[in-house]
């Protein structure tokens, strides 16, 4: 999907607490992702963002509760 085309000026970005939304005039919401980033503690590298990072957090939380 191409977000920015020549002459396209009507974009809305909502950096919400739980979700990030991107809307385009005439198209509505084109991106809705959780505001989550998974970072490797050792290297500081970004491992995942959005839904993938939220799933990693969910799995990690379950594993820690089982211990």
C-alpha atoms as a PDB file:
ATOM      1  CA  UNK A   1       0.000   0.000   0.000  1.00  0.00           C
ATOM      2  CA  UNK A   2       1.330   3.397  -0.943  1.00  0.00           C
ATOM      3  CA  UNK A   3       0.700   5.949   1.823  1.00  0.00           C
ATOM      4  CA  UNK A   4       2.161   9.064   0.259  1.00  0.00           C
ATOM      5  CA  UNK A   5       1.467   9.941  -3.344  1.00  0.00           C
ATOM      6  CA  UNK A   6       2.335  13.178  -5.113  1.00  0.00           C
ATOM      7  CA  UNK A   7      -0.202  15.814  -4.089  1.00  0.00           C
ATOM      8  CA  UNK A   8      -1.553  13.848  -1.122  1.00  0.00           C
ATOM      9  CA  UNK A   9      -1.862  16.219   1.830  1.00  0.00           C
ATOM     10  CA  UNK A  10      -4.787  15.037   3.952  1.00  0.00           C
ATOM     11  CA  UNK A  11      -3.424  12.605   6.527  1.00  0.00           C
ATOM     12  CA  UNK A  12      -4.275  12.245  10.200  1.00  0.00           C
ATOM     13  CA  UNK A  13      -2.026  10.538  12.743  1.00  0.00           C
ATOM     14  CA  UNK A  14      -3.311   9.749  16.232  1.00  0.00           C
ATOM     15  CA  UNK A  15      -0.499   8.729  18.586  1.00  0.00           C
ATOM     16  CA  UNK A  16      -2.845   7.389  21.238  1.00  0.00           C
ATOM     17  CA  UNK A  17      -1.961   5.675  24.491  1.00  0.00           C
ATOM     18  CA  UNK A  18      -3.116   2.195  23.443  1.00  0.00           C
ATOM     19  CA  UNK A  19      -3.158   2.387  19.621  1.00  0.00           C
ATOM     20  CA  UNK A  20      -1.682   4.384  16.769  1.00  0.00           C
ATOM     21  CA  UNK A  21      -4.147   5.300  14.015  1.00  0.00           C
ATOM     22  CA  UNK A  22      -3.366   6.693  10.575  1.00  0.00           C
ATOM     23  CA  UNK A  23      -6.217   8.007   8.452  1.00  0.00           C
ATOM     24  CA  UNK A  24      -6.270   9.260   4.871  1.00  0.00           C
ATOM     25  CA  UNK A  25      -8.939  11.532   3.431  1.00  0.00           C
ATOM     26  CA  UNK A  26     -11.298   9.471   1.328  1.00  0.00           C
ATOM     27  CA  UNK A  27      -9.913   6.160   2.613  1.00  0.00           C
ATOM     28  CA  UNK A  28     -10.523   6.269   6.370  1.00  0.00           C
ATOM     29  CA  UNK A  29      -8.293   4.341   8.761  1.00  0.00           C
ATOM     30  CA  UNK A  30      -5.374   2.767   6.878  1.00  0.00           C
ATOM     31  CA  UNK A  31      -3.323   1.694   9.900  1.00  0.00           C
ATOM     32  CA  UNK A  32      -4.374   0.647  13.410  1.00  0.00           C
ATOM     33  CA  UNK A  33      -1.615  -0.859  15.540  1.00  0.00           C
ATOM     34  CA  UNK A  34      -0.997  -1.181  19.279  1.00  0.00           C
ATOM     35  CA  UNK A  35       1.467   1.377  20.682  1.00  0.00           C
ATOM     36  CA  UNK A  36       3.976  -1.298  21.731  1.00  0.00           C
ATOM     37  CA  UNK A  37       7.677  -1.725  20.916  1.00  0.00           C
ATOM     38  CA  UNK A  38       9.769  -4.776  21.891  1.00  0.00           C
ATOM     39  CA  UNK A  39      13.416  -3.891  22.554  1.00  0.00           C
ATOM     40  CA  UNK A  40      16.308  -6.296  23.134  1.00  0.00           C
ATOM     41  CA  UNK A  41      17.648  -5.450  26.611  1.00  0.00           C
ATOM     42  CA  UNK A  42      21.215  -6.457  25.725  1.00  0.00           C
ATOM     43  CA  UNK A  43      21.619  -4.638  22.399  1.00  0.00           C
ATOM     44  CA  UNK A  44      18.909  -1.973  22.526  1.00  0.00           C
ATOM     45  CA  UNK A  45      17.758  -3.093  19.067  1.00  0.00           C
ATOM     46  CA  UNK A  46      14.078  -2.919  18.159  1.00  0.00           C
ATOM     47  CA  UNK A  47      12.816  -6.489  17.828  1.00  0.00           C
ATOM     48  CA  UNK A  48       9.163  -5.847  16.921  1.00  0.00           C
ATOM     49  CA  UNK A  49       6.443  -3.194  16.859  1.00  0.00           C
ATOM     50  CA  UNK A  50       2.656  -3.122  16.965  1.00  0.00           C
ATOM     51  CA  UNK A  51       0.729  -6.394  17.007  1.00  0.00           C
ATOM     52  CA  UNK A  52       3.885  -8.521  16.894  1.00  0.00           C
ATOM     53  CA  UNK A  53       5.365  -6.752  19.930  1.00  0.00           C
ATOM     54  CA  UNK A  54       2.062  -7.000  21.809  1.00  0.00           C
ATOM     55  CA  UNK A  55       1.992 -10.764  21.206  1.00  0.00           C
ATOM     56  CA  UNK A  56       5.590 -11.050  22.487  1.00  0.00           C
ATOM     57  CA  UNK A  57       4.579  -9.120  25.628  1.00  0.00           C
ATOM     58  CA  UNK A  58       1.569 -11.398  26.150  1.00  0.00           C
ATOM     59  CA  UNK A  59       3.691 -14.548  25.838  1.00  0.00           C
ATOM     60  CA  UNK A  60       6.390 -13.166  28.136  1.00  0.00           C
ATOM     61  CA  UNK A  61       3.818 -12.161  30.766  1.00  0.00           C
ATOM     62  CA  UNK A  62       2.313 -15.682  30.729  1.00  0.00           C
ATOM     63  CA  UNK A  63       5.745 -17.294  31.047  1.00  0.00           C
ATOM     64  CA  UNK A  64       6.629 -15.098  34.028  1.00  0.00           C
ATOM     65  CA  UNK A  65       3.321 -15.888  35.761  1.00  0.00           C
ATOM     66  CA  UNK A  66       4.026 -19.631  35.427  1.00  0.00           C
ATOM     67  CA  UNK A  67       7.409 -19.334  37.162  1.00  0.00           C
END
